[in-house]
Amino acid sequence: MAVKRALVMHPKDNVATTVEEIQPGDQVKVSGGGEVRSVAAVEAIPFGFKIALEEIPRGATIRKYGETIGKAGRPINRGALVHIHNLDGTRARGDLEGREKQ
């Protein structure tokens, strides 16, 4: 089985962007952000979508480009797809202003 690829943009990121379609069980080589690492995909991840690089507990910050892109709406397993079904956006949310620092 060929190793699949994903890119991480910043050393603090906990997600990477896939650069090809990923299937469950695929080994994904993640490069960028100053290191190369590997993660096993636990589900299908389309080209250009995010894969979790670590276990992300519910409510934890999700980072891409070194910036907060949202919070985990539910626990996210390492190697899982990160998308709108498990990521709650926090940018430009008037209902959150003043309550939490991003």
PDB file of N, CA and C in Angstrom:
ATOM      1  N   MET A   1       0.844  -1.182   0.000  1.00  0.00           N
ATOM      2  CA  MET A   1       0.000   0.000   0.000  1.00  0.00           C
ATOM      3  C   MET A   1       0.889   1.245   0.000  1.00  0.00           C
ATOM      4  N   ALA A   2       0.608   2.159  -0.886  1.00  0.00           N
ATOM      5  CA  ALA A   2       1.389   3.398  -0.981  1.00  0.00           C
ATOM      6  C   ALA A   2       1.064   4.324   0.187  1.00  0.00           C
ATOM      7  N   VAL A   3       2.058   5.037   0.630  1.00  0.00           N
ATOM      8  CA  VAL A   3       1.858   6.022   1.691  1.00  0.00           C
ATOM      9  C   VAL A   3       1.201   7.252   1.076  1.00  0.00           C
ATOM     10  N   LYS A   4       0.181   7.758   1.741  1.00  0.00           N
ATOM     11  CA  LYS A   4      -0.524   8.958   1.295  1.00  0.00           C
ATOM     12  C   LYS A   4       0.136  10.176   1.935  1.00  0.00           C
ATOM     13  N   ARG A   5      -0.243  11.363   1.458  1.00  0.00           N
ATOM     14  CA  ARG A   5       0.422  12.573   1.938  1.00  0.00           C
ATOM     15  C   ARG A   5      -0.558  13.623   2.443  1.00  0.00           C
ATOM     16  N   ALA A   6      -0.072  14.417   3.418  1.00  0.00           N
ATOM     17  CA  ALA A   6      -0.806  15.571   3.935  1.00  0.00           C
ATOM     18  C   ALA A   6       0.227  16.612   4.354  1.00  0.00           C
ATOM     19  N   LEU A   7      -0.210  17.857   4.393  1.00  0.00           N
ATOM     20  CA  LEU A   7       0.674  18.963   4.758  1.00  0.00           C
ATOM     21  C   LEU A   7       0.182  19.653   6.014  1.00  0.00           C
ATOM     22  N   VAL A   8       1.128  19.982   6.872  1.00  0.00           N
ATOM     23  CA  VAL A   8       0.838  20.786   8.045  1.00  0.00           C
ATOM     24  C   VAL A   8       1.521  22.136   7.811  1.00  0.00           C
ATOM     25  N   MET A   9       0.853  23.197   8.199  1.00  0.00           N
ATOM     26  CA  MET A   9       1.351  24.535   7.870  1.00  0.00           C
ATOM     27  C   MET A   9       2.154  25.202   8.984  1.00  0.00           C
ATOM     28  N   HIS A  10       1.986  24.757  10.225  1.00  0.00           N
ATOM     29  CA  HIS A  10       2.620  25.416  11.364  1.00  0.00           C
ATOM     30  C   HIS A  10       2.889  24.371  12.442  1.00  0.00           C
ATOM     31  N   PRO A  11       3.980  24.494  13.183  1.00  0.00           N
ATOM     32  CA  PRO A  11       4.299  23.496  14.214  1.00  0.00           C
ATOM     33  C   PRO A  11       3.225  23.328  15.284  1.00  0.00           C
ATOM     34  N   LYS A  12       2.401  24.330  15.532  1.00  0.00           N
ATOM     35  CA  LYS A  12       1.356  24.239  16.555  1.00  0.00           C
ATOM     36  C   LYS A  12       0.060  23.623  16.039  1.00  0.00           C
ATOM     37  N   ASP A  13      -0.029  23.366  14.738  1.00  0.00           N
ATOM     38  CA  ASP A  13      -1.261  22.816  14.160  1.00  0.00           C
ATOM     39  C   ASP A  13      -1.542  21.416  14.695  1.00  0.00           C
ATOM     40  N   ASN A  14      -2.826  21.127  14.913  1.00  0.00           N
ATOM     41  CA  ASN A  14      -3.213  19.770  15.289  1.00  0.00           C
ATOM     42  C   ASN A  14      -4.045  19.094  14.201  1.00  0.00           C
ATOM     43  N   VAL A  15      -4.092  19.729  13.022  1.00  0.00           N
ATOM     44  CA  VAL A  15      -4.688  19.130  11.832  1.00  0.00           C
ATOM     45  C   VAL A  15      -3.754  19.374  10.651  1.00  0.00           C
ATOM     46  N   ALA A  16      -3.870  18.510   9.639  1.00  0.00           N
ATOM     47  CA  ALA A  16      -3.108  18.673   8.403  1.00  0.00           C
ATOM     48  C   ALA A  16      -4.085  18.594   7.245  1.00  0.00           C
ATOM     49  N   THR A  17      -3.692  19.138   6.097  1.00  0.00           N
ATOM     50  CA  THR A  17      -4.521  19.120   4.902  1.00  0.00           C
ATOM     51  C   THR A  17      -4.059  17.997   3.990  1.00  0.00           C
ATOM     52  N   THR A  18      -4.997  17.136   3.595  1.00  0.00           N
ATOM     53  CA  THR A  18      -4.651  16.022   2.715  1.00  0.00           C
ATOM     54  C   THR A  18      -4.403  16.541   1.302  1.00  0.00           C
ATOM     55  N   VAL A  19      -3.430  15.954   0.621  1.00  0.00           N
ATOM     56  CA  VAL A  19      -3.124  16.353  -0.751  1.00  0.00           C
ATOM     57  C   VAL A  19      -3.486  15.243  -1.738  1.00  0.00           C
ATOM     58  N   GLU A  20      -4.184  14.248  -1.225  1.00  0.00           N
ATOM     59  CA  GLU A  20      -4.755  13.199  -2.063  1.00  0.00           C
ATOM     60  C   GLU A  20      -5.860  12.515  -1.261  1.00  0.00           C
ATOM     61  N   GLU A  21      -6.681  11.746  -1.926  1.00  0.00           N
ATOM     62  CA  GLU A  21      -7.769  11.055  -1.251  1.00  0.00           C
ATOM     63  C   GLU A  21      -7.208   9.972  -0.331  1.00  0.00           C
ATOM     64  N   ILE A  22      -7.767   9.874   0.866  1.00  0.00           N
ATOM     65  CA  ILE A  22      -7.290   8.950   1.885  1.00  0.00           C
ATOM     66  C   ILE A  22      -8.404   7.940   2.186  1.00  0.00           C
ATOM     67  N   GLN A  23      -8.010   6.695   2.384  1.00  0.00           N
ATOM     68  CA  GLN A  23      -8.958   5.633   2.750  1.00  0.00           C
ATOM     69  C   GLN A  23      -8.654   5.148   4.169  1.00  0.00           C
ATOM     70  N   PRO A  24      -9.650   4.574   4.854  1.00  0.00           N
ATOM     71  CA  PRO A  24      -9.397   4.042   6.204  1.00  0.00           C
ATOM     72  C   PRO A  24      -8.229   3.062   6.183  1.00  0.00           C
ATOM     73  N   GLY A  25      -7.335   3.194   7.158  1.00  0.00           N
ATOM     74  CA  GLY A  25      -6.176   2.316   7.257  1.00  0.00           C
ATOM     75  C   GLY A  25      -4.946   2.814   6.525  1.00  0.00           C
ATOM     76  N   ASP A  26      -5.113   3.791   5.632  1.00  0.00           N
ATOM     77  CA  ASP A  26      -3.954   4.342   4.927  1.00  0.00           C
ATOM     78  C   ASP A  26      -2.995   4.999   5.910  1.00  0.00           C
ATOM     79  N   GLN A  27      -1.704   4.809   5.687  1.00  0.00           N
ATOM     80  CA  GLN A  27      -0.684   5.544   6.423  1.00  0.00           C
ATOM     81  C   GLN A  27      -0.506   6.883   5.709  1.00  0.00           C
ATOM     82  N   VAL A  28      -0.541   7.955   6.478  1.00  0.00           N
ATOM     83  CA  VAL A  28      -0.443   9.294   5.906  1.00  0.00           C
ATOM     84  C   VAL A  28       0.838   9.937   6.415  1.00  0.00           C
ATOM     85  N   LYS A  29       1.719  10.287   5.484  1.00  0.00           N
ATOM     86  CA  LYS A  29       2.965  10.993   5.807  1.00  0.00           C
ATOM     87  C   LYS A  29       2.628  12.476   5.842  1.00  0.00           C
ATOM     88  N   VAL A  30       2.844  13.081   6.994  1.00  0.00           N
ATOM     89  CA  VAL A  30       2.531  14.497   7.204  1.00  0.00           C
ATOM     90  C   VAL A  30       3.837  15.262   7.266  1.00  0.00           C
ATOM     91  N   SER A  31       4.016  16.192   6.347  1.00  0.00           N
ATOM     92  CA  SER A  31       5.245  16.976   6.330  1.00  0.00           C
ATOM     93  C   SER A  31       4.912  18.460   6.422  1.00  0.00           C
ATOM     94  N   GLY A  32       5.917  19.226   6.836  1.00  0.00           N
ATOM     95  CA  GLY A  32       5.756  20.666   7.021  1.00  0.00           C
ATOM     96  C   GLY A  32       5.752  21.001   8.496  1.00  0.00           C
ATOM     97  N   GLY A  33       5.775  22.288   8.796  1.00  0.00           N
ATOM     98  CA  GLY A  33       5.771  22.704  10.197  1.00  0.00           C
ATOM     99  C   GLY A  33       7.027  22.308  10.945  1.00  0.00           C
ATOM    100  N   GLY A  34       8.102  22.005  10.198  1.00  0.00           N
ATOM    101  CA  GLY A  34       9.367  21.704  10.841  1.00  0.00           C
ATOM    102  C   GLY A  34       9.626  20.242  11.131  1.00  0.00           C
ATOM    103  N   GLU A  35       8.707  19.340  10.783  1.00  0.00           N
ATOM    104  CA  GLU A  35       8.937  17.924  11.041  1.00  0.00           C
ATOM    105  C   GLU A  35       8.142  17.061  10.065  1.00  0.00           C
ATOM    106  N   VAL A  36       8.461  15.779  10.057  1.00  0.00           N
ATOM    107  CA  VAL A  36       7.718  14.799   9.265  1.00  0.00           C
ATOM    108  C   VAL A  36       7.200  13.764  10.249  1.00  0.00           C
ATOM    109  N   ARG A  37       5.933  13.435  10.140  1.00  0.00           N
ATOM    110  CA  ARG A  37       5.347  12.417  11.015  1.00  0.00           C
ATOM    111  C   ARG A  37       4.370  11.570  10.230  1.00  0.00           C
ATOM    112  N   SER A  38       3.862  10.545  10.865  1.00  0.00           N
ATOM    113  CA  SER A  38       2.941   9.638  10.197  1.00  0.00           C
ATOM    114  C   SER A  38       1.718   9.436  11.075  1.00  0.00           C
ATOM    115  N   VAL A  39       0.569   9.291  10.436  1.00  0.00           N
ATOM    116  CA  VAL A  39      -0.678   9.027  11.152  1.00  0.00           C
ATOM    117  C   VAL A  39      -1.485   8.047  10.307  1.00  0.00           C
ATOM    118  N   ALA A  40      -2.155   7.123  10.965  1.00  0.00           N
ATOM    119  CA  ALA A  40      -3.017   6.171  10.266  1.00  0.00           C
ATOM    120  C   ALA A  40      -4.428   6.745  10.185  1.00  0.00           C
ATOM    121  N   ALA A  41      -4.990   6.788   8.989  1.00  0.00           N
ATOM    122  CA  ALA A  41      -6.355   7.293   8.805  1.00  0.00           C
ATOM    123  C   ALA A  41      -7.352   6.294   9.381  1.00  0.00           C
ATOM    124  N   VAL A  42      -8.334   6.791  10.113  1.00  0.00           N
ATOM    125  CA  VAL A  42      -9.352   5.918  10.691  1.00  0.00           C
ATOM    126  C   VAL A  42     -10.655   5.961   9.898  1.00  0.00           C
ATOM    127  N   GLU A  43     -10.710   6.846   8.901  1.00  0.00           N
ATOM    128  CA  GLU A  43     -11.880   6.938   8.032  1.00  0.00           C
ATOM    129  C   GLU A  43     -11.459   7.581   6.713  1.00  0.00           C
ATOM    130  N   ALA A  44     -12.346   7.569   5.746  1.00  0.00           N
ATOM    131  CA  ALA A  44     -12.059   8.192   4.453  1.00  0.00           C
ATOM    132  C   ALA A  44     -11.966   9.703   4.624  1.00  0.00           C
ATOM    133  N   ILE A  45     -10.991  10.300   3.953  1.00  0.00           N
ATOM    134  CA  ILE A  45     -10.802  11.747   3.993  1.00  0.00           C
ATOM    135  C   ILE A  45     -10.569  12.214   2.564  1.00  0.00           C
ATOM    136  N   PRO A  46     -11.468  13.061   2.061  1.00  0.00           N
ATOM    137  CA  PRO A  46     -11.311  13.540   0.677  1.00  0.00           C
ATOM    138  C   PRO A  46     -10.092  14.444   0.507  1.00  0.00           C
ATOM    139  N   PHE A  47      -9.644  14.568  -0.735  1.00  0.00           N
ATOM    140  CA  PHE A  47      -8.577  15.489  -1.101  1.00  0.00           C
ATOM    141  C   PHE A  47      -8.905  16.892  -0.591  1.00  0.00           C
ATOM    142  N   GLY A  48      -7.929  17.538   0.032  1.00  0.00           N
ATOM    143  CA  GLY A  48      -8.082  18.921   0.477  1.00  0.00           C
ATOM    144  C   GLY A  48      -8.763  19.099   1.821  1.00  0.00           C
ATOM    145  N   PHE A  49      -9.152  18.013   2.473  1.00  0.00           N
ATOM    146  CA  PHE A  49      -9.805  18.113   3.775  1.00  0.00           C
ATOM    147  C   PHE A  49      -8.782  17.912   4.887  1.00  0.00           C
ATOM    148  N   LYS A  50      -9.210  18.093   6.123  1.00  0.00           N
ATOM    149  CA  LYS A  50      -8.310  18.042   7.269  1.00  0.00           C
ATOM    150  C   LYS A  50      -8.333  16.667   7.943  1.00  0.00           C
ATOM    151  N   ILE A  51      -7.148  16.237   8.415  1.00  0.00           N
ATOM    152  CA  ILE A  51      -6.997  15.020   9.200  1.00  0.00           C
ATOM    153  C   ILE A  51      -6.438  15.415  10.562  1.00  0.00           C
ATOM    154  N   ALA A  52      -6.978  14.809  11.622  1.00  0.00           N
ATOM    155  CA  ALA A  52      -6.509  15.092  12.981  1.00  0.00           C
ATOM    156  C   ALA A  52      -5.156  14.431  13.212  1.00  0.00           C
ATOM    157  N   LEU A  53      -4.214  15.195  13.734  1.00  0.00           N
ATOM    158  CA  LEU A  53      -2.867  14.691  13.999  1.00  0.00           C
ATOM    159  C   LEU A  53      -2.718  14.140  15.409  1.00  0.00           C
ATOM    160  N   GLU A  54      -3.717  14.376  16.234  1.00  0.00           N
ATOM    161  CA  GLU A  54      -3.692  13.931  17.633  1.00  0.00           C
ATOM    162  C   GLU A  54      -5.132  13.766  18.096  1.00  0.00           C
ATOM    163  N   GLU A  55      -5.301  13.148  19.249  1.00  0.00           N
ATOM    164  CA  GLU A  55      -6.628  13.074  19.852  1.00  0.00           C
ATOM    165  C   GLU A  55      -7.023  14.501  20.242  1.00  0.00           C
ATOM    166  N   ILE A  56      -8.223  14.916  19.863  1.00  0.00           N
ATOM    167  CA  ILE A  56      -8.685  16.267  20.167  1.00  0.00           C
ATOM    168  C   ILE A  56      -9.963  16.138  20.993  1.00  0.00           C
ATOM    169  N   PRO A  57      -9.905  16.468  22.284  1.00  0.00           N
ATOM    170  CA  PRO A  57     -11.090  16.333  23.132  1.00  0.00           C
ATOM    171  C   PRO A  57     -12.174  17.351  22.778  1.00  0.00           C
ATOM    172  N   ARG A  58     -13.400  17.040  23.120  1.00  0.00           N
ATOM    173  CA  ARG A  58     -14.508  17.972  22.902  1.00  0.00           C
ATOM    174  C   ARG A  58     -14.178  19.311  23.568  1.00  0.00           C
ATOM    175  N   GLY A  59     -14.399  20.387  22.840  1.00  0.00           N
ATOM    176  CA  GLY A  59     -14.150  21.733  23.358  1.00  0.00           C
ATOM    177  C   GLY A  59     -12.732  22.233  23.155  1.00  0.00           C
ATOM    178  N   ALA A  60     -11.821  21.348  22.733  1.00  0.00           N
ATOM    179  CA  ALA A  60     -10.426  21.755  22.534  1.00  0.00           C
ATOM    180  C   ALA A  60     -10.294  22.600  21.263  1.00  0.00           C
ATOM    181  N   THR A  61      -9.304  23.447  21.266  1.00  0.00           N
ATOM    182  CA  THR A  61      -9.016  24.316  20.130  1.00  0.00           C
ATOM    183  C   THR A  61      -8.457  23.494  18.971  1.00  0.00           C
ATOM    184  N   ILE A  62      -8.947  23.796  17.768  1.00  0.00           N
ATOM    185  CA  ILE A  62      -8.406  23.189  16.551  1.00  0.00           C
ATOM    186  C   ILE A  62      -7.609  24.270  15.838  1.00  0.00           C
ATOM    187  N   ARG A  63      -6.343  23.949  15.516  1.00  0.00           N
ATOM    188  CA  ARG A  63      -5.440  24.923  14.911  1.00  0.00           C
ATOM    189  C   ARG A  63      -4.978  24.492  13.527  1.00  0.00           C
ATOM    190  N   LYS A  64      -5.018  25.458  12.612  1.00  0.00           N
ATOM    191  CA  LYS A  64      -4.478  25.298  11.260  1.00  0.00           C
ATOM    192  C   LYS A  64      -3.818  26.623  10.913  1.00  0.00           C
ATOM    193  N   TYR A  65      -2.702  26.598  10.232  1.00  0.00           N
ATOM    194  CA  TYR A  65      -1.914  27.806   9.927  1.00  0.00           C
ATOM    195  C   TYR A  65      -1.422  28.485  11.201  1.00  0.00           C
ATOM    196  N   GLY A  66      -1.358  27.749  12.306  1.00  0.00           N
ATOM    197  CA  GLY A  66      -0.948  28.328  13.578  1.00  0.00           C
ATOM    198  C   GLY A  66      -2.034  29.153  14.234  1.00  0.00           C
ATOM    199  N   GLU A  67      -3.232  29.151  13.664  1.00  0.00           N
ATOM    200  CA  GLU A  67      -4.355  29.955  14.145  1.00  0.00           C
ATOM    201  C   GLU A  67      -5.521  29.064  14.558  1.00  0.00           C
ATOM    202  N   THR A  68      -6.319  29.559  15.474  1.00  0.00           N
ATOM    203  CA  THR A  68      -7.536  28.854  15.861  1.00  0.00           C
ATOM    204  C   THR A  68      -8.537  28.921  14.716  1.00  0.00           C
ATOM    205  N   ILE A  69      -9.037  27.751  14.304  1.00  0.00           N
ATOM    206  CA  ILE A  69     -10.084  27.730  13.275  1.00  0.00           C
ATOM    207  C   ILE A  69     -11.406  27.270  13.861  1.00  0.00           C
ATOM    208  N   GLY A  70     -11.397  26.848  15.116  1.00  0.00           N
ATOM    209  CA  GLY A  70     -12.626  26.427  15.771  1.00  0.00           C
ATOM    210  C   GLY A  70     -12.345  25.586  16.992  1.00  0.00           C
ATOM    211  N   LYS A  71     -13.412  24.996  17.510  1.00  0.00           N
ATOM    212  CA  LYS A  71     -13.343  24.106  18.664  1.00  0.00           C
ATOM    213  C   LYS A  71     -13.945  22.769  18.273  1.00  0.00           C
ATOM    214  N   ALA A  72     -13.477  21.731  18.903  1.00  0.00           N
ATOM    215  CA  ALA A  72     -14.023  20.400  18.633  1.00  0.00           C
ATOM    216  C   ALA A  72     -15.428  20.313  19.231  1.00  0.00           C
ATOM    217  N   GLY A  73     -16.404  20.032  18.384  1.00  0.00           N
ATOM    218  CA  GLY A  73     -17.787  19.896  18.839  1.00  0.00           C
ATOM    219  C   GLY A  73     -18.037  18.564  19.526  1.00  0.00           C
ATOM    220  N   ARG A  74     -17.142  17.621  19.309  1.00  0.00           N
ATOM    221  CA  ARG A  74     -17.172  16.306  19.950  1.00  0.00           C
ATOM    222  C   ARG A  74     -15.753  15.774  19.915  1.00  0.00           C
ATOM    223  N   PRO A  75     -15.447  14.720  20.660  1.00  0.00           N
ATOM    224  CA  PRO A  75     -14.081  14.182  20.610  1.00  0.00           C
ATOM    225  C   PRO A  75     -13.725  13.748  19.185  1.00  0.00           C
ATOM    226  N   ILE A  76     -12.490  14.032  18.785  1.00  0.00           N
ATOM    227  CA  ILE A  76     -12.018  13.681  17.448  1.00  0.00           C
ATOM    228  C   ILE A  76     -10.807  12.767  17.608  1.00  0.00           C
ATOM    229  N   ASN A  77     -10.902  11.590  17.022  1.00  0.00           N
ATOM    230  CA  ASN A  77      -9.800  10.627  17.102  1.00  0.00           C
ATOM    231  C   ASN A  77      -8.643  11.033  16.202  1.00  0.00           C
ATOM    232  N   ARG A  78      -7.453  10.653  16.614  1.00  0.00           N
ATOM    233  CA  ARG A  78      -6.264  10.827  15.772  1.00  0.00           C
ATOM    234  C   ARG A  78      -6.505  10.072  14.467  1.00  0.00           C
ATOM    235  N   GLY A  79      -6.266  10.722  13.336  1.00  0.00           N
ATOM    236  CA  GLY A  79      -6.461  10.092  12.038  1.00  0.00           C
ATOM    237  C   GLY A  79      -7.860  10.265  11.464  1.00  0.00           C
ATOM    238  N   ALA A  80      -8.720  10.997  12.154  1.00  0.00           N
ATOM    239  CA  ALA A  80     -10.098  11.195  11.699  1.00  0.00           C
ATOM    240  C   ALA A  80     -10.239  12.456  10.846  1.00  0.00           C
ATOM    241  N   LEU A  81     -11.281  12.469  10.052  1.00  0.00           N
ATOM    242  CA  LEU A  81     -11.658  13.645   9.280  1.00  0.00           C
ATOM    243  C   LEU A  81     -12.087  14.751  10.234  1.00  0.00           C
ATOM    244  N   VAL A  82     -11.596  15.960  10.005  1.00  0.00           N
ATOM    245  CA  VAL A  82     -12.016  17.130  10.775  1.00  0.00           C
ATOM    246  C   VAL A  82     -12.760  18.028   9.800  1.00  0.00           C
ATOM    247  N   HIS A  83     -14.047  18.226  10.070  1.00  0.00           N
ATOM    248  CA  HIS A  83     -14.889  19.023   9.168  1.00  0.00           C
ATOM    249  C   HIS A  83     -16.087  19.540   9.961  1.00  0.00           C
ATOM    250  N   ILE A  84     -17.090  20.041   9.288  1.00  0.00           N
ATOM    251  CA  ILE A  84     -18.200  20.707   9.964  1.00  0.00           C
ATOM    252  C   ILE A  84     -19.007  19.799  10.896  1.00  0.00           C
ATOM    253  N   HIS A  85     -18.899  18.492  10.750  1.00  0.00           N
ATOM    254  CA  HIS A  85     -19.637  17.578  11.622  1.00  0.00           C
ATOM    255  C   HIS A  85     -19.009  17.467  13.015  1.00  0.00           C
ATOM    256  N   ASN A  86     -17.738  17.878  13.161  1.00  0.00           N
ATOM    257  CA  ASN A  86     -17.090  17.787  14.466  1.00  0.00           C
ATOM    258  C   ASN A  86     -16.276  19.031  14.828  1.00  0.00           C
ATOM    259  N   LEU A  87     -16.345  20.062  14.003  1.00  0.00           N
ATOM    260  CA  LEU A  87     -15.643  21.324  14.242  1.00  0.00           C
ATOM    261  C   LEU A  87     -16.672  22.446  14.327  1.00  0.00           C
ATOM    262  N   ASP A  88     -16.693  23.131  15.451  1.00  0.00           N
ATOM    263  CA  ASP A  88     -17.571  24.287  15.619  1.00  0.00           C
ATOM    264  C   ASP A  88     -16.748  25.542  15.376  1.00  0.00           C
ATOM    265  N   GLY A  89     -17.118  26.309  14.359  1.00  0.00           N
ATOM    266  CA  GLY A  89     -16.411  27.548  14.058  1.00  0.00           C
ATOM    267  C   GLY A  89     -16.558  28.544  15.186  1.00  0.00           C
ATOM    268  N   THR A  90     -15.504  29.306  15.437  1.00  0.00           N
ATOM    269  CA  THR A  90     -15.546  30.318  16.499  1.00  0.00           C
ATOM    270  C   THR A  90     -15.246  31.711  15.979  1.00  0.00           C
ATOM    271  N   ARG A  91     -14.880  31.838  14.712  1.00  0.00           N
ATOM    272  CA  ARG A  91     -14.570  33.154  14.150  1.00  0.00           C
ATOM    273  C   ARG A  91     -15.853  33.895  13.807  1.00  0.00           C
ATOM    274  N   ALA A  92     -15.858  35.191  14.076  1.00  0.00           N
ATOM    275  CA  ALA A  92     -16.976  36.081  13.750  1.00  0.00           C
ATOM    276  C   ALA A  92     -18.277  35.609  14.385  1.00  0.00           C
ATOM    277  N   ARG A  93     -18.195  35.027  15.569  1.00  0.00           N
ATOM    278  CA  ARG A  93     -19.378  34.577  16.290  1.00  0.00           C
ATOM    279  C   ARG A  93     -19.717  35.630  17.335  1.00  0.00           C
ATOM    280  N   GLY A  94     -20.661  36.468  17.047  1.00  0.00           N
ATOM    281  CA  GLY A  94     -21.072  37.506  17.980  1.00  0.00           C
ATOM    282  C   GLY A  94     -21.550  36.953  19.308  1.00  0.00           C
ATOM    283  N   ASP A  95     -22.117  35.753  19.280  1.00  0.00           N
ATOM    284  CA  ASP A  95     -22.608  35.152  20.521  1.00  0.00           C
ATOM    285  C   ASP A  95     -21.483  34.726  21.451  1.00  0.00           C
ATOM    286  N   LEU A  96     -20.244  34.665  20.945  1.00  0.00           N
ATOM    287  CA  LEU A  96     -19.108  34.272  21.780  1.00  0.00           C
ATOM    288  C   LEU A  96     -18.237  35.450  22.190  1.00  0.00           C
ATOM    289  N   GLU A  97     -18.480  36.615  21.611  1.00  0.00           N
ATOM    290  CA  GLU A  97     -17.625  37.773  21.896  1.00  0.00           C
ATOM    291  C   GLU A  97     -17.589  38.076  23.378  1.00  0.00           C
ATOM    292  N   GLY A  98     -16.369  38.252  23.885  1.00  0.00           N
ATOM    293  CA  GLY A  98     -16.177  38.587  25.279  1.00  0.00           C
ATOM    294  C   GLY A  98     -16.188  37.385  26.204  1.00  0.00           C
ATOM    295  N   ARG A  99     -16.602  36.217  25.710  1.00  0.00           N
ATOM    296  CA  ARG A  99     -16.679  35.035  26.561  1.00  0.00           C
ATOM    297  C   ARG A  99     -15.397  34.213  26.549  1.00  0.00           C
ATOM    298  N   GLU A 100     -14.729  34.179  25.412  1.00  0.00           N
ATOM    299  CA  GLU A 100     -13.515  33.365  25.326  1.00  0.00           C
ATOM    300  C   GLU A 100     -12.521  34.024  24.399  1.00  0.00           C
ATOM    301  N   LYS A 101     -11.291  33.818  24.693  1.00  0.00           N
ATOM    302  CA  LYS A 101     -10.214  34.350  23.868  1.00  0.00           C
ATOM    303  C   LYS A 101      -9.802  33.289  22.881  1.00  0.00           C
ATOM    304  N   GLN A 102      -9.642  33.663  21.606  1.00  0.00           N
ATOM    305  CA  GLN A 102      -9.262  32.676  20.577  1.00  0.00           C
ATOM    306  C   GLN A 102      -7.800  32.662  20.396  1.00  0.00           C
TER     307      GLN A 102
END
